Amino acid sequence: MRRRFMVFVLLVVVVLTGYVVGCASASGQPHMNVALDELRAAKSELDSANADKGGHRVKAVSLVDEAIAEVEAGIEYARSH
């Protein structure tokens, strides 16, 4: 389970990096939208997971929620500039 959590954290880092790149270039919108879809899918999987895994699942859900908000903000920023 620890490996799965680490893979998930890596996904969040990759998505946040995509957010920064997306802000730098409006042409990144398709990638931002795909990232947003993937984050929502990851959140759904975490919500479906049983037990708390020592607080790690709850922390992962929180990180995904933050990543979703950042990607949405990046998409909105690119639209307005």
N, C-alpha and C. Protein backbone atom coordinates (compact mmCIF):
# COMPACT_ATOMS: atom_id res chain seq x y z
N MET A 1 0.82 -1.19 0.00
CA MET A 1 0.00 0.00 0.00
C MET A 1 0.87 1.25 0.00
N ARG A 2 2.03 1.19 0.66
CA ARG A 2 2.92 2.35 0.70
C ARG A 2 3.39 2.71 -0.71
N ARG A 3 3.68 1.70 -1.52
CA ARG A 3 4.11 1.96 -2.89
C ARG A 3 3.01 2.66 -3.67
N ARG A 4 1.79 2.24 -3.48
CA ARG A 4 0.66 2.84 -4.16
C ARG A 4 0.50 4.30 -3.76
N PHE A 5 0.70 4.59 -2.48
CA PHE A 5 0.61 5.97 -1.99
C PHE A 5 1.71 6.81 -2.62
N MET A 6 2.91 6.27 -2.72
CA MET A 6 4.03 7.01 -3.31
C MET A 6 3.78 7.28 -4.79
N VAL A 7 3.20 6.32 -5.50
CA VAL A 7 2.85 6.52 -6.91
C VAL A 7 1.81 7.63 -7.01
N PHE A 8 0.88 7.63 -6.10
CA PHE A 8 -0.15 8.66 -6.11
C PHE A 8 0.46 10.04 -5.85
N VAL A 9 1.36 10.15 -4.89
CA VAL A 9 2.02 11.42 -4.61
C VAL A 9 2.79 11.87 -5.84
N LEU A 10 3.44 10.96 -6.53
CA LEU A 10 4.16 11.30 -7.75
C LEU A 10 3.18 11.84 -8.79
N LEU A 11 2.01 11.25 -8.91
CA LEU A 11 0.99 11.74 -9.84
C LEU A 11 0.61 13.17 -9.51
N VAL A 12 0.43 13.46 -8.23
CA VAL A 12 0.07 14.82 -7.82
C VAL A 12 1.18 15.80 -8.20
N VAL A 13 2.42 15.41 -7.99
CA VAL A 13 3.55 16.28 -8.35
C VAL A 13 3.56 16.52 -9.85
N VAL A 14 3.34 15.48 -10.63
CA VAL A 14 3.31 15.62 -12.09
C VAL A 14 2.19 16.56 -12.52
N VAL A 15 1.03 16.41 -11.92
CA VAL A 15 -0.10 17.26 -12.27
C VAL A 15 0.17 18.71 -11.90
N LEU A 16 0.73 18.94 -10.73
CA LEU A 16 1.06 20.31 -10.34
C LEU A 16 2.10 20.91 -11.26
N THR A 17 3.04 20.11 -11.71
CA THR A 17 4.00 20.59 -12.69
C THR A 17 3.28 20.96 -13.98
N GLY A 18 2.32 20.15 -14.37
CA GLY A 18 1.50 20.46 -15.54
C GLY A 18 0.74 21.76 -15.36
N TYR A 19 0.32 22.03 -14.17
CA TYR A 19 -0.37 23.28 -13.87
C TYR A 19 0.54 24.47 -14.15
N VAL A 20 1.76 24.40 -13.68
CA VAL A 20 2.71 25.50 -13.90
C VAL A 20 2.97 25.67 -15.40
N VAL A 21 3.19 24.58 -16.10
CA VAL A 21 3.43 24.65 -17.54
C VAL A 21 2.18 25.17 -18.25
N GLY A 22 1.02 24.74 -17.81
CA GLY A 22 -0.23 25.21 -18.41
C GLY A 22 -0.45 26.69 -18.23
N CYS A 23 -0.03 27.22 -17.09
CA CYS A 23 -0.14 28.67 -16.87
C CYS A 23 0.79 29.44 -17.80
N ALA A 24 1.92 28.85 -18.11
CA ALA A 24 2.88 29.52 -18.97
C ALA A 24 2.44 29.52 -20.43
N SER A 25 1.59 28.59 -20.79
CA SER A 25 1.18 28.48 -22.18
C SER A 25 -0.29 28.08 -22.26
N ALA A 26 -1.08 28.91 -22.92
CA ALA A 26 -2.51 28.61 -23.06
C ALA A 26 -2.75 27.37 -23.90
N SER A 27 -1.75 26.97 -24.70
CA SER A 27 -1.90 25.77 -25.52
C SER A 27 -1.92 24.50 -24.68
N GLY A 28 -1.67 24.60 -23.37
CA GLY A 28 -1.67 23.46 -22.49
C GLY A 28 -3.05 23.04 -22.03
N GLN A 29 -4.08 23.69 -22.49
CA GLN A 29 -5.42 23.38 -22.02
C GLN A 29 -5.84 21.92 -22.20
N PRO A 30 -5.59 21.29 -23.34
CA PRO A 30 -6.00 19.88 -23.45
C PRO A 30 -5.34 19.01 -22.39
N HIS A 31 -4.10 19.29 -22.09
CA HIS A 31 -3.39 18.50 -21.08
C HIS A 31 -3.94 18.79 -19.69
N MET A 32 -4.27 20.04 -19.46
CA MET A 32 -4.85 20.42 -18.16
C MET A 32 -6.19 19.71 -17.96
N ASN A 33 -6.99 19.65 -19.02
CA ASN A 33 -8.29 18.99 -18.91
C ASN A 33 -8.14 17.49 -18.68
N VAL A 34 -7.17 16.88 -19.35
CA VAL A 34 -6.91 15.45 -19.12
C VAL A 34 -6.44 15.24 -17.68
N ALA A 35 -5.54 16.10 -17.21
CA ALA A 35 -5.05 15.99 -15.84
C ALA A 35 -6.20 16.12 -14.85
N LEU A 36 -7.11 17.05 -15.12
CA LEU A 36 -8.27 17.24 -14.24
C LEU A 36 -9.13 15.98 -14.21
N ASP A 37 -9.36 15.39 -15.35
CA ASP A 37 -10.13 14.14 -15.41
C ASP A 37 -9.44 13.03 -14.62
N GLU A 38 -8.13 12.93 -14.77
CA GLU A 38 -7.37 11.89 -14.06
C GLU A 38 -7.40 12.11 -12.55
N LEU A 39 -7.30 13.36 -12.14
CA LEU A 39 -7.37 13.66 -10.70
C LEU A 39 -8.74 13.30 -10.14
N ARG A 40 -9.77 13.61 -10.88
CA ARG A 40 -11.13 13.26 -10.43
C ARG A 40 -11.30 11.75 -10.34
N ALA A 41 -10.71 11.02 -11.28
CA ALA A 41 -10.76 9.56 -11.23
C ALA A 41 -9.99 9.04 -10.02
N ALA A 42 -8.82 9.64 -9.75
CA ALA A 42 -8.03 9.23 -8.59
C ALA A 42 -8.80 9.48 -7.30
N LYS A 43 -9.48 10.62 -7.22
CA LYS A 43 -10.27 10.94 -6.03
C LYS A 43 -11.38 9.91 -5.84
N SER A 44 -12.01 9.53 -6.93
CA SER A 44 -13.07 8.53 -6.85
C SER A 44 -12.53 7.20 -6.32
N GLU A 45 -11.36 6.81 -6.79
CA GLU A 45 -10.75 5.57 -6.30
C GLU A 45 -10.41 5.66 -4.82
N LEU A 46 -9.86 6.78 -4.41
CA LEU A 46 -9.53 6.97 -2.99
C LEU A 46 -10.79 6.96 -2.13
N ASP A 47 -11.85 7.59 -2.62
CA ASP A 47 -13.10 7.61 -1.87
C ASP A 47 -13.68 6.20 -1.72
N SER A 48 -13.40 5.34 -2.71
CA SER A 48 -13.92 3.98 -2.68
C SER A 48 -13.06 3.03 -1.85
N ALA A 49 -11.85 3.45 -1.54
CA ALA A 49 -10.94 2.58 -0.78
C ALA A 49 -11.48 2.36 0.63
N ASN A 50 -11.24 1.16 1.16
CA ASN A 50 -11.69 0.88 2.51
C ASN A 50 -10.61 1.24 3.51
N ALA A 51 -11.02 1.51 4.70
CA ALA A 51 -10.14 1.86 5.82
C ALA A 51 -9.34 3.13 5.54
N ASP A 52 -8.62 3.58 6.53
CA ASP A 52 -7.94 4.88 6.44
C ASP A 52 -6.46 4.76 6.14
N LYS A 53 -5.87 3.60 6.31
CA LYS A 53 -4.44 3.39 6.05
C LYS A 53 -3.58 4.32 6.89
N GLY A 54 -3.89 4.43 8.16
CA GLY A 54 -3.08 5.23 9.07
C GLY A 54 -3.12 6.71 8.78
N GLY A 55 -4.19 7.19 8.21
CA GLY A 55 -4.32 8.61 7.90
C GLY A 55 -3.82 8.98 6.51
N HIS A 56 -3.17 8.06 5.82
CA HIS A 56 -2.60 8.36 4.51
C HIS A 56 -3.67 8.54 3.43
N ARG A 57 -4.75 7.75 3.50
CA ARG A 57 -5.81 7.90 2.51
C ARG A 57 -6.46 9.27 2.64
N VAL A 58 -6.73 9.68 3.87
CA VAL A 58 -7.35 10.98 4.10
C VAL A 58 -6.42 12.10 3.61
N LYS A 59 -5.14 11.97 3.88
CA LYS A 59 -4.16 12.95 3.42
C LYS A 59 -4.11 12.98 1.89
N ALA A 60 -4.14 11.82 1.27
CA ALA A 60 -4.12 11.73 -0.19
C ALA A 60 -5.36 12.40 -0.79
N VAL A 61 -6.52 12.18 -0.18
CA VAL A 61 -7.75 12.83 -0.66
C VAL A 61 -7.60 14.34 -0.57
N SER A 62 -7.04 14.81 0.52
CA SER A 62 -6.83 16.24 0.70
C SER A 62 -5.88 16.80 -0.37
N LEU A 63 -4.81 16.08 -0.65
CA LEU A 63 -3.86 16.52 -1.67
C LEU A 63 -4.50 16.53 -3.06
N VAL A 64 -5.32 15.54 -3.35
CA VAL A 64 -6.01 15.50 -4.64
C VAL A 64 -6.99 16.66 -4.74
N ASP A 65 -7.71 16.93 -3.68
CA ASP A 65 -8.63 18.07 -3.69
C ASP A 65 -7.88 19.37 -3.98
N GLU A 66 -6.71 19.53 -3.35
CA GLU A 66 -5.89 20.72 -3.60
C GLU A 66 -5.42 20.76 -5.05
N ALA A 67 -4.98 19.62 -5.57
CA ALA A 67 -4.51 19.57 -6.95
C ALA A 67 -5.63 19.88 -7.93
N ILE A 68 -6.83 19.36 -7.67
CA ILE A 68 -7.98 19.66 -8.52
C ILE A 68 -8.25 21.16 -8.53
N ALA A 69 -8.24 21.77 -7.36
CA ALA A 69 -8.49 23.21 -7.27
C ALA A 69 -7.42 24.00 -8.02
N GLU A 70 -6.16 23.58 -7.92
CA GLU A 70 -5.08 24.28 -8.62
C GLU A 70 -5.20 24.14 -10.13
N VAL A 71 -5.52 22.95 -10.60
CA VAL A 71 -5.68 22.75 -12.04
C VAL A 71 -6.86 23.57 -12.55
N GLU A 72 -7.96 23.57 -11.82
CA GLU A 72 -9.11 24.39 -12.22
C GLU A 72 -8.74 25.87 -12.26
N ALA A 73 -7.99 26.32 -11.27
CA ALA A 73 -7.54 27.72 -11.24
C ALA A 73 -6.62 28.01 -12.42
N GLY A 74 -5.76 27.08 -12.77
CA GLY A 74 -4.87 27.26 -13.91
C GLY A 74 -5.64 27.36 -15.22
N ILE A 75 -6.65 26.52 -15.38
CA ILE A 75 -7.48 26.56 -16.57
C ILE A 75 -8.21 27.90 -16.65
N GLU A 76 -8.76 28.33 -15.55
CA GLU A 76 -9.48 29.61 -15.52
C GLU A 76 -8.52 30.77 -15.80
N TYR A 77 -7.34 30.72 -15.24
CA TYR A 77 -6.34 31.77 -15.47
C TYR A 77 -6.00 31.86 -16.95
N ALA A 78 -5.75 30.70 -17.57
CA ALA A 78 -5.40 30.68 -18.99
C ALA A 78 -6.55 31.22 -19.87
N ARG A 79 -7.77 30.95 -19.46
CA ARG A 79 -8.92 31.45 -20.21
C ARG A 79 -9.01 32.97 -20.14
N SER A 80 -8.65 33.54 -19.00
CA SER A 80 -8.84 34.98 -18.81
C SER A 80 -7.64 35.81 -19.26
N HIS A 81 -6.55 35.15 -19.67
CA HIS A 81 -5.36 35.92 -20.09
C HIS A 81 -4.97 35.59 -21.51
